[in-house]
Amino acid sequence: IVLDVYWDEPSVQADLSLRNQFNQELMSEKHRKKVQHERYGPINVAAGKYYIRVRCSQGESAYTLKIRDAENNEVPGGSFDQLPE
């Protein structure tokens, strides 16, 4: 997959992580301050359910996530389930 993140307020301090259905962290990245669009990937994952955690440590921002299949450029869809604790 390829993960695109668009920040409305790019000066925010934030971290992103990708986790699997067992809450194991597969990827962790810090937002690059003052960058409005960030792209991560390609990230190799098997078919299944994954969660993206966005955590702000300073400031606040709305954001848009776009996830697509890196091989065929399709947006696979998804849902907005809560990460299991």
Protein backbone atom coordinates (compact mmCIF):
# COMPACT_ATOMS: atom_id res chain seq x y z
CA ILE A 1 0.00 0.00 0.00
CA VAL A 2 0.90 3.67 -0.28
CA LEU A 3 -0.32 6.04 2.44
CA ASP A 4 -0.79 9.74 1.64
CA VAL A 5 -1.43 12.19 4.49
CA TYR A 6 -2.61 15.75 3.84
CA TRP A 7 -2.41 18.15 6.82
CA ASP A 8 -4.62 21.26 7.05
CA GLU A 9 -2.19 22.72 9.61
CA PRO A 10 1.29 21.46 8.65
CA SER A 11 3.01 23.03 11.70
CA VAL A 12 1.45 20.39 14.00
CA GLN A 13 3.73 17.92 15.77
CA ALA A 14 2.32 14.46 15.13
CA ASP A 15 3.19 10.78 14.80
CA LEU A 16 1.61 8.18 12.53
CA SER A 17 1.69 4.45 13.00
CA LEU A 18 0.34 1.50 11.05
CA ARG A 19 -0.82 -1.45 13.16
CA ASN A 20 -2.18 -4.86 12.36
CA GLN A 21 -5.31 -6.51 13.81
CA PHE A 22 -3.26 -7.66 16.83
CA ASN A 23 -2.20 -4.03 17.58
CA GLN A 24 1.39 -4.76 16.54
CA GLU A 25 3.14 -1.70 15.12
CA LEU A 26 4.28 -2.24 11.53
CA MET A 27 5.37 1.31 10.75
CA SER A 28 5.98 4.45 12.78
CA GLU A 29 6.78 7.90 11.37
CA LYS A 30 7.02 11.45 12.69
CA HIS A 31 5.25 14.16 10.71
CA ARG A 32 7.77 16.46 9.06
CA LYS A 33 6.84 19.89 10.39
CA LYS A 34 5.67 22.41 7.77
CA VAL A 35 5.11 19.69 5.15
CA GLN A 36 1.49 19.62 4.01
CA HIS A 37 1.56 16.37 2.01
CA GLU A 38 3.51 13.28 3.09
CA ARG A 39 3.70 9.93 1.32
CA TYR A 40 4.74 6.66 2.96
CA GLY A 41 5.40 3.47 1.07
CA PRO A 42 5.16 1.28 -0.63
CA ILE A 43 4.47 -0.69 2.55
CA ASN A 44 4.21 -4.47 2.12
CA VAL A 45 1.14 -5.86 3.88
CA ALA A 46 -0.91 -9.00 3.39
CA ALA A 47 -4.67 -8.88 2.91
CA GLY A 48 -6.36 -8.15 6.22
CA LYS A 49 -7.45 -5.45 8.64
CA TYR A 50 -5.05 -2.65 9.57
CA TYR A 51 -5.29 0.50 11.66
CA ILE A 52 -3.66 3.90 11.32
CA ARG A 53 -3.05 5.87 14.49
CA VAL A 54 -2.53 9.62 14.26
CA ARG A 55 -1.34 11.20 17.49
CA CYS A 56 -0.67 14.94 17.91
CA SER A 57 1.76 16.00 20.64
CA GLN A 58 1.58 19.74 19.97
CA GLY A 59 -0.97 21.78 18.05
CA GLU A 60 -3.98 20.45 16.19
CA SER A 61 -4.92 19.82 12.60
CA ALA A 62 -7.56 18.21 10.48
CA TYR A 63 -6.04 15.72 8.07
CA THR A 64 -6.96 13.52 5.14
CA LEU A 65 -5.68 9.97 4.70
CA LYS A 66 -5.58 8.31 1.32
CA ILE A 67 -4.57 4.66 1.07
CA ARG A 68 -4.08 2.92 -2.24
CA ASP A 69 -2.78 -0.35 -3.60
CA ALA A 70 0.78 0.33 -4.76
CA GLU A 71 0.64 -2.32 -7.50
CA ASN A 72 -2.50 -1.33 -9.39
CA ASN A 73 -3.03 2.22 -8.07
CA GLU A 74 -6.56 1.43 -6.85
CA VAL A 75 -8.06 2.87 -3.68
CA PRO A 76 -9.16 -0.33 -1.88
CA GLY A 77 -11.82 1.22 0.34
CA GLY A 78 -12.06 0.39 3.99
CA SER A 79 -13.88 1.19 7.17
CA PHE A 80 -13.34 3.29 10.27
CA ASP A 81 -13.22 0.73 13.08
CA GLN A 82 -11.63 1.57 16.42
CA LEU A 83 -8.23 0.07 17.19
CA PRO A 84 -8.56 -2.78 19.69
CA GLU A 85 -6.99 -1.92 23.07
